[in-house]
C-alpha atoms as a PDB file:
ATOM      1  CA  MET A   1       0.000   0.000   0.000  1.00  0.00           C
ATOM      2  CA  THR A   2       1.457   3.352  -1.045  1.00  0.00           C
ATOM      3  CA  THR A   3       1.882   6.308   1.294  1.00  0.00           C
ATOM      4  CA  LYS A   4      -0.658   8.290  -0.728  1.00  0.00           C
ATOM      5  CA  THR A   5      -3.236   5.538  -0.379  1.00  0.00           C
ATOM      6  CA  LYS A   6      -2.615   5.359   3.356  1.00  0.00           C
ATOM      7  CA  ARG A   7      -3.168   9.128   3.653  1.00  0.00           C
ATOM      8  CA  LYS A   8      -6.448   8.909   1.752  1.00  0.00           C
ATOM      9  CA  LEU A   9      -7.668   5.984   3.849  1.00  0.00           C
ATOM     10  CA  GLY A  10      -6.636   7.866   6.975  1.00  0.00           C
ATOM     11  CA  PHE A  11      -8.593  10.916   5.771  1.00  0.00           C
ATOM     12  CA  ILE A  12     -11.729   8.829   5.170  1.00  0.00           C
ATOM     13  CA  ALA A  13     -11.386   7.125   8.548  1.00  0.00           C
ATOM     14  CA  GLY A  14     -10.832  10.408  10.383  1.00  0.00           C
ATOM     15  CA  PHE A  15     -13.711  12.147   8.599  1.00  0.00           C
ATOM     16  CA  SER A  16     -16.034   9.227   9.284  1.00  0.00           C
ATOM     17  CA  LEU A  17     -15.056   9.188  12.962  1.00  0.00           C
ATOM     18  CA  PHE A  18     -15.677  12.911  13.345  1.00  0.00           C
ATOM     19  CA  PHE A  19     -19.010  12.709  11.544  1.00  0.00           C
ATOM     20  CA  ALA A  20     -20.140   9.712  13.592  1.00  0.00           C
ATOM     21  CA  ALA A  21     -19.190  11.445  16.842  1.00  0.00           C
ATOM     22  CA  LEU A  22     -21.121  14.572  15.852  1.00  0.00           C
ATOM     23  CA  TRP A  23     -24.147  12.510  14.862  1.00  0.00           C
ATOM     24  CA  LEU A  24     -24.186  10.436  18.053  1.00  0.00           C
ATOM     25  CA  LEU A  25     -23.575  13.435  20.349  1.00  0.00           C
ATOM     26  CA  TRP A  26     -25.802  15.839  18.403  1.00  0.00           C
ATOM     27  CA  ASP A  27     -28.395  16.374  21.154  1.00  0.00           C
ATOM     28  CA  THR A  28     -25.929  16.393  24.060  1.00  0.00           C
ATOM     29  CA  PRO A  29     -24.399  19.342  25.950  1.00  0.00           C
ATOM     30  CA  ALA A  30     -21.048  18.573  24.298  1.00  0.00           C
ATOM     31  CA  ILE A  31     -22.283  19.833  20.910  1.00  0.00           C
ATOM     32  CA  TYR A  32     -24.564  22.595  22.212  1.00  0.00           C
ATOM     33  CA  PRO A  33     -21.922  25.400  22.167  1.00  0.00           C
ATOM     34  CA  LEU A  34     -20.993  24.472  18.600  1.00  0.00           C
ATOM     35  CA  LYS A  35     -24.643  24.770  17.551  1.00  0.00           C
ATOM     36  CA  ILE A  36     -24.926  28.260  19.036  1.00  0.00           C
ATOM     37  CA  PHE A  37     -21.701  29.170  17.225  1.00  0.00           C
ATOM     38  CA  VAL A  38     -23.308  28.062  13.943  1.00  0.00           C
ATOM     39  CA  VAL A  39     -26.388  30.164  14.739  1.00  0.00           C
ATOM     40  CA  MET A  40     -24.029  33.128  15.124  1.00  0.00           C
ATOM     41  CA  LEU A  41     -22.485  32.339  11.726  1.00  0.00           C
ATOM     42  CA  HIS A  42     -25.995  32.153  10.252  1.00  0.00           C
ATOM     43  CA  GLU A  43     -26.950  35.574  11.583  1.00  0.00           C
ATOM     44  CA  ILE A  44     -23.674  37.309  10.736  1.00  0.00           C
ATOM     45  CA  SER A  45     -23.976  35.941   7.198  1.00  0.00           C
ATOM     46  CA  HIS A  46     -27.292  37.779   6.869  1.00  0.00           C
ATOM     47  CA  GLY A  47     -25.628  40.923   8.153  1.00  0.00           C
ATOM     48  CA  LEU A  48     -22.534  40.737   5.947  1.00  0.00           C
ATOM     49  CA  VAL A  49     -24.596  40.324   2.786  1.00  0.00           C
ATOM     50  CA  ALA A  50     -26.889  43.168   3.839  1.00  0.00           C
ATOM     51  CA  VAL A  51     -23.902  45.474   4.364  1.00  0.00           C
ATOM     52  CA  SER A  52     -22.242  44.398   1.104  1.00  0.00           C
ATOM     53  CA  THR A  53     -25.419  45.267  -0.829  1.00  0.00           C
ATOM     54  CA  GLY A  54     -25.930  48.688   0.735  1.00  0.00           C
ATOM     55  CA  GLY A  55     -27.625  47.885   4.043  1.00  0.00           C
ATOM     56  CA  SER A  56     -26.456  47.923   7.645  1.00  0.00           C
ATOM     57  CA  ILE A  57     -26.442  45.809  10.796  1.00  0.00           C
ATOM     58  CA  GLU A  58     -28.400  47.226  13.722  1.00  0.00           C
ATOM     59  CA  ARG A  59     -28.018  44.291  16.095  1.00  0.00           C
ATOM     60  CA  ILE A  60     -27.828  40.514  16.410  1.00  0.00           C
ATOM     61  CA  VAL A  61     -29.545  38.460  19.092  1.00  0.00           C
ATOM     62  CA  LEU A  62     -28.949  34.818  20.028  1.00  0.00           C
ATOM     63  CA  ASP A  63     -31.206  32.777  22.287  1.00  0.00           C
ATOM     64  CA  PRO A  64     -30.464  29.627  24.299  1.00  0.00           C
ATOM     65  CA  TYR A  65     -32.953  27.597  22.234  1.00  0.00           C
ATOM     66  CA  GLN A  66     -30.698  27.738  19.155  1.00  0.00           C
ATOM     67  CA  GLY A  67     -32.552  30.649  17.632  1.00  0.00           C
ATOM     68  CA  GLY A  68     -31.374  34.048  16.586  1.00  0.00           C
ATOM     69  CA  ALA A  69     -32.103  37.129  14.533  1.00  0.00           C
ATOM     70  CA  CYS A  70     -30.123  39.713  12.624  1.00  0.00           C
ATOM     71  CA  TYR A  71     -31.721  43.137  12.292  1.00  0.00           C
ATOM     72  CA  CYS A  72     -30.146  44.418   9.096  1.00  0.00           C
ATOM     73  CA  PRO A  73     -32.262  46.978   7.220  1.00  0.00           C
ATOM     74  CA  GLY A  74     -31.522  47.938   3.648  1.00  0.00           C
ATOM     75  CA  GLY A  75     -29.535  46.055   1.085  1.00  0.00           C
ATOM     76  CA  ASN A  76     -30.759  43.387  -1.286  1.00  0.00           C
ATOM     77  CA  ALA A  77     -33.518  41.494   0.520  1.00  0.00           C
ATOM     78  CA  PHE A  78     -33.324  38.433  -1.748  1.00  0.00           C
ATOM     79  CA  LEU A  79     -29.591  37.928  -1.203  1.00  0.00           C
ATOM     80  CA  THR A  80     -29.764  38.797   2.491  1.00  0.00           C
ATOM     81  CA  LEU A  81     -32.513  36.262   3.185  1.00  0.00           C
ATOM     82  CA  SER A  82     -30.659  33.599   1.209  1.00  0.00           C
ATOM     83  CA  ALA A  83     -27.402  34.171   3.079  1.00  0.00           C
ATOM     84  CA  GLY A  84     -28.251  32.586   6.440  1.00  0.00           C
ATOM     85  CA  TYR A  85     -28.301  28.823   5.860  1.00  0.00           C
ATOM     86  CA  LEU A  86     -25.954  28.940   2.881  1.00  0.00           C
ATOM     87  CA  GLY A  87     -23.618  31.360   4.610  1.00  0.00           C
ATOM     88  CA  SER A  88     -23.142  29.151   7.661  1.00  0.00           C
ATOM     89  CA  LEU A  89     -22.578  26.227   5.287  1.00  0.00           C
ATOM     90  CA  LEU A  90     -19.815  28.105   3.439  1.00  0.00           C
ATOM     91  CA  TRP A  91     -18.222  29.139   6.737  1.00  0.00           C
ATOM     92  CA  GLY A  92     -18.179  25.470   7.678  1.00  0.00           C
ATOM     93  CA  VAL A  93     -16.556  24.424   4.413  1.00  0.00           C
ATOM     94  CA  GLY A  94     -13.981  27.173   4.856  1.00  0.00           C
ATOM     95  CA  LEU A  95     -13.115  26.030   8.376  1.00  0.00           C
ATOM     96  CA  VAL A  96     -12.703  22.397   7.319  1.00  0.00           C
ATOM     97  CA  SER A  97     -10.500  23.461   4.394  1.00  0.00           C
ATOM     98  CA  ALA A  98      -8.437  25.700   6.656  1.00  0.00           C
ATOM     99  CA  ALA A  99      -7.868  22.816   9.051  1.00  0.00           C
ATOM    100  CA  GLN A 100      -6.258  20.828   6.223  1.00  0.00           C
ATOM    101  CA  SER A 101      -4.114  23.671   4.903  1.00  0.00           C
ATOM    102  CA  PRO A 102      -0.363  23.508   5.617  1.00  0.00           C
ATOM    103  CA  ARG A 103       0.132  27.194   4.789  1.00  0.00           C
ATOM    104  CA  ILE A 104      -1.185  28.731   8.000  1.00  0.00           C
ATOM    105  CA  SER A 105      -0.727  27.411  11.521  1.00  0.00           C
ATOM    106  CA  ASN A 106      -3.914  25.928  12.965  1.00  0.00           C
ATOM    107  CA  ARG A 107      -3.037  27.648  16.221  1.00  0.00           C
ATOM    108  CA  TYR A 108      -3.201  31.058  14.540  1.00  0.00           C
ATOM    109  CA  LEU A 109      -6.415  30.135  12.762  1.00  0.00           C
ATOM    110  CA  VAL A 110      -8.224  29.075  15.937  1.00  0.00           C
ATOM    111  CA  ALA A 111      -6.986  32.134  17.816  1.00  0.00           C
ATOM    112  CA  GLY A 112      -8.076  34.279  14.863  1.00  0.00           C
ATOM    113  CA  VAL A 113     -11.562  32.763  14.842  1.00  0.00           C
ATOM    114  CA  GLY A 114     -11.764  33.492  18.562  1.00  0.00           C
ATOM    115  CA  LEU A 115     -10.808  37.137  18.016  1.00  0.00           C
ATOM    116  CA  VAL A 116     -13.387  37.482  15.223  1.00  0.00           C
ATOM    117  CA  VAL A 117     -16.110  36.047  17.483  1.00  0.00           C
ATOM    118  CA  LEU A 118     -15.121  38.493  20.237  1.00  0.00           C
ATOM    119  CA  LEU A 119     -15.130  41.431  17.799  1.00  0.00           C
ATOM    120  CA  LEU A 120     -18.481  40.554  16.227  1.00  0.00           C
ATOM    121  CA  THR A 121     -20.012  40.058  19.660  1.00  0.00           C
ATOM    122  CA  ALA A 122     -18.779  43.430  20.885  1.00  0.00           C
ATOM    123  CA  LEU A 123     -19.940  45.224  17.736  1.00  0.00           C
ATOM    124  CA  TYR A 124     -23.317  43.660  17.063  1.00  0.00           C
ATOM    125  CA  VAL A 125     -24.692  41.248  19.681  1.00  0.00           C
ATOM    126  CA  ARG A 126     -27.154  43.047  21.932  1.00  0.00           C
ATOM    127  CA  ASN A 127     -28.810  40.570  24.281  1.00  0.00           C
ATOM    128  CA  GLY A 128     -27.607  39.012  27.520  1.00  0.00           C
ATOM    129  CA  PHE A 129     -27.337  35.377  26.442  1.00  0.00           C
ATOM    130  CA  GLY A 130     -25.707  36.310  23.145  1.00  0.00           C
ATOM    131  CA  LEU A 131     -23.129  38.527  24.831  1.00  0.00           C
ATOM    132  CA  LEU A 132     -22.318  35.891  27.439  1.00  0.00           C
ATOM    133  CA  PHE A 133     -21.945  33.185  24.817  1.00  0.00           C
ATOM    134  CA  GLY A 134     -19.983  35.243  22.301  1.00  0.00           C
ATOM    135  CA  LEU A 135     -17.491  36.590  24.821  1.00  0.00           C
ATOM    136  CA  GLY A 136     -17.048  33.210  26.519  1.00  0.00           C
ATOM    137  CA  PHE A 137     -16.792  31.165  23.324  1.00  0.00           C
ATOM    138  CA  GLY A 138     -14.504  33.660  21.615  1.00  0.00           C
ATOM    139  CA  ALA A 139     -12.187  33.818  24.621  1.00  0.00           C
ATOM    140  CA  THR A 140     -12.106  30.012  24.830  1.00  0.00           C
ATOM    141  CA  LEU A 141     -11.106  29.688  21.164  1.00  0.00           C
ATOM    142  CA  PHE A 142      -8.451  32.381  21.542  1.00  0.00           C
ATOM    143  CA  ALA A 143      -6.996  30.625  24.587  1.00  0.00           C
ATOM    144  CA  ALA A 144      -7.055  27.267  22.765  1.00  0.00           C
ATOM    145  CA  GLY A 145      -5.153  28.748  19.859  1.00  0.00           C
ATOM    146  CA  ARG A 146      -2.531  30.172  22.192  1.00  0.00           C
ATOM    147  CA  ARG A 147      -2.099  27.204  24.512  1.00  0.00           C
ATOM    148  CA  LEU A 148      -2.922  23.995  22.613  1.00  0.00           C
ATOM    149  CA  GLY A 149      -0.781  22.270  20.006  1.00  0.00           C
ATOM    150  CA  PRO A 150      -1.337  22.098  16.224  1.00  0.00           C
ATOM    151  CA  GLY A 151      -3.064  18.705  16.374  1.00  0.00           C
ATOM    152  CA  ALA A 152      -5.619  19.792  18.960  1.00  0.00           C
ATOM    153  CA  ASN A 153      -6.329  23.017  17.087  1.00  0.00           C
ATOM    154  CA  ARG A 154      -6.787  21.099  13.840  1.00  0.00           C
ATOM    155  CA  MET A 155      -9.416  19.016  15.616  1.00  0.00           C
ATOM    156  CA  ILE A 156     -11.134  22.175  16.876  1.00  0.00           C
ATOM    157  CA  LEU A 157     -11.284  23.703  13.384  1.00  0.00           C
ATOM    158  CA  THR A 158     -12.566  20.441  11.927  1.00  0.00           C
ATOM    159  CA  ALA A 159     -15.238  20.120  14.623  1.00  0.00           C
ATOM    160  CA  LEU A 160     -16.381  23.716  14.066  1.00  0.00           C
ATOM    161  CA  GLY A 161     -16.487  23.239  10.313  1.00  0.00           C
ATOM    162  CA  LEU A 162     -18.234  19.870  10.238  1.00  0.00           C
ATOM    163  CA  THR A 163     -20.800  21.005  12.796  1.00  0.00           C
ATOM    164  CA  SER A 164     -21.559  24.070  10.702  1.00  0.00           C
ATOM    165  CA  CYS A 165     -21.995  21.992   7.542  1.00  0.00           C
ATOM    166  CA  LEU A 166     -24.175  19.375   9.233  1.00  0.00           C
ATOM    167  CA  TYR A 167     -26.228  21.916  11.190  1.00  0.00           C
ATOM    168  CA  ALA A 168     -26.935  23.981   8.078  1.00  0.00           C
ATOM    169  CA  ILE A 169     -28.368  20.973   6.250  1.00  0.00           C
ATOM    170  CA  LEU A 170     -30.363  19.694   9.237  1.00  0.00           C
ATOM    171  CA  ASP A 171     -31.637  23.207   9.979  1.00  0.00           C
ATOM    172  CA  ILE A 172     -32.962  23.594   6.442  1.00  0.00           C
ATOM    173  CA  LYS A 173     -34.709  20.237   6.729  1.00  0.00           C
ATOM    174  CA  SER A 174     -36.179  20.978  10.167  1.00  0.00           C
ATOM    175  CA  ASP A 175     -37.262  24.583   9.597  1.00  0.00           C
ATOM    176  CA  ILE A 176     -38.392  24.399   5.992  1.00  0.00           C
ATOM    177  CA  LEU A 177     -39.027  20.885   4.737  1.00  0.00           C
ATOM    178  CA  ASP A 178     -40.480  19.456   7.960  1.00  0.00           C
ATOM    179  CA  ARG A 179     -42.253  22.611   9.193  1.00  0.00           C
ATOM    180  CA  PRO A 180     -42.916  24.898   6.221  1.00  0.00           C
ATOM    181  CA  HIS A 181     -45.441  26.901   8.255  1.00  0.00           C
ATOM    182  CA  LEU A 182     -42.701  28.415  10.445  1.00  0.00           C
ATOM    183  CA  ALA A 183     -41.679  32.060   9.998  1.00  0.00           C
ATOM    184  CA  SER A 184     -38.287  31.127   8.570  1.00  0.00           C
ATOM    185  CA  ASP A 185     -35.932  32.796   6.086  1.00  0.00           C
ATOM    186  CA  ALA A 186     -37.488  30.656   3.361  1.00  0.00           C
ATOM    187  CA  ALA A 187     -41.003  31.755   4.320  1.00  0.00           C
ATOM    188  CA  MET A 188     -39.985  35.419   4.081  1.00  0.00           C
ATOM    189  CA  LEU A 189     -38.241  34.745   0.783  1.00  0.00           C
ATOM    190  CA  GLY A 190     -41.365  32.977  -0.448  1.00  0.00           C
ATOM    191  CA  ASP A 191     -43.449  36.034   0.420  1.00  0.00           C
ATOM    192  CA  LEU A 192     -40.916  38.288  -1.303  1.00  0.00           C
ATOM    193  CA  THR A 193     -40.907  36.248  -4.518  1.00  0.00           C
ATOM    194  CA  SER A 194     -44.487  34.900  -4.395  1.00  0.00           C
ATOM    195  CA  THR A 195     -43.206  31.319  -4.430  1.00  0.00           C
ATOM    196  CA  PRO A 196     -43.779  28.370  -2.039  1.00  0.00           C
ATOM    197  CA  THR A 197     -41.618  28.132   1.057  1.00  0.00           C
ATOM    198  CA  LEU A 198     -40.973  24.486   0.228  1.00  0.00           C
ATOM    199  CA  LEU A 199     -39.341  25.472  -3.062  1.00  0.00           C
ATOM    200  CA  TRP A 200     -36.566  27.346  -1.276  1.00  0.00           C
ATOM    201  CA  GLY A 201     -36.075  24.485   1.141  1.00  0.00           C
ATOM    202  CA  VAL A 202     -35.522  22.084  -1.750  1.00  0.00           C
ATOM    203  CA  VAL A 203     -33.235  24.526  -3.581  1.00  0.00           C
ATOM    204  CA  TRP A 204     -31.121  25.293  -0.509  1.00  0.00           C
ATOM    205  CA  THR A 205     -30.886  21.619   0.442  1.00  0.00           C
ATOM    206  CA  GLY A 206     -29.682  20.764  -3.056  1.00  0.00           C
ATOM    207  CA  VAL A 207     -27.100  23.531  -3.012  1.00  0.00           C
ATOM    208  CA  ALA A 208     -25.918  22.541   0.476  1.00  0.00           C
ATOM    209  CA  LEU A 209     -25.482  18.886  -0.436  1.00  0.00           C
ATOM    210  CA  ALA A 210     -23.643  19.799  -3.648  1.00  0.00           C
ATOM    211  CA  VAL A 211     -21.273  22.155  -1.820  1.00  0.00           C
ATOM    212  CA  VAL A 212     -20.500  19.568   0.863  1.00  0.00           C
ATOM    213  CA  ALA A 213     -19.884  16.888  -1.767  1.00  0.00           C
ATOM    214  CA  LEU A 214     -17.510  19.130  -3.730  1.00  0.00           C
ATOM    215  CA  ALA A 215     -15.665  20.150  -0.567  1.00  0.00           C
ATOM    216  CA  PHE A 216     -15.274  16.524   0.503  1.00  0.00           C
ATOM    217  CA  ARG A 217     -14.021  15.563  -2.959  1.00  0.00           C
ATOM    218  CA  LYS A 218     -11.434  18.350  -2.908  1.00  0.00           C
ATOM    219  CA  ALA A 219     -10.263  17.444   0.596  1.00  0.00           C
ATOM    220  CA  TYR A 220      -9.993  13.775  -0.383  1.00  0.00           C
ATOM    221  CA  ARG A 221      -7.902  14.606  -3.434  1.00  0.00           C
ATOM    222  CA  ASN A 222      -5.586  16.774  -1.353  1.00  0.00           C
ATOM    223  CA  ALA A 223      -5.191  14.186   1.403  1.00  0.00           C
END
């Protein structure tokens, strides 16, 4: 067996182990902070697209029941509403890719993510739970980047990224496909475009699965 083949088999085994652990522990306190982190990514994605299309961010709120809202008036409503689920998915893909990159130290990346979480929290989060979570989670990531080794920080980046990818897909299914009557991003987009909520759930699910498949294929080739 060649070294390249061993690396690829090791990649598949490691990815499968991470995914299985996330799946089995999904509804446990161990994964809860990662879910709230993904909710933050979801909301900041709305805000970033709003700002980039001429709008602004007034405030972001996060609640302990894995909900959140970004108050971002102005900008392109279609793109802003579409940015939540797909934005958190792309953040997840980026984190997983960064974990595999040899160009930048994983320690710097984790510490950098922590600083970004702290900065976004200070600038935009305006409720008690959200502030407590953002400051605590950001400080924890920053400390991990400073104190833990490259291997541990690679695992942290991979866990953050895989959770974001998985949560984005499951969130679309839960909020839109399973409960299309909810006041979700897709429902608001349906009202904006005079189309069924379910349509956007199917479209976003298809895009999410395609993006994850392409990202996995690229990571496998680079292993």
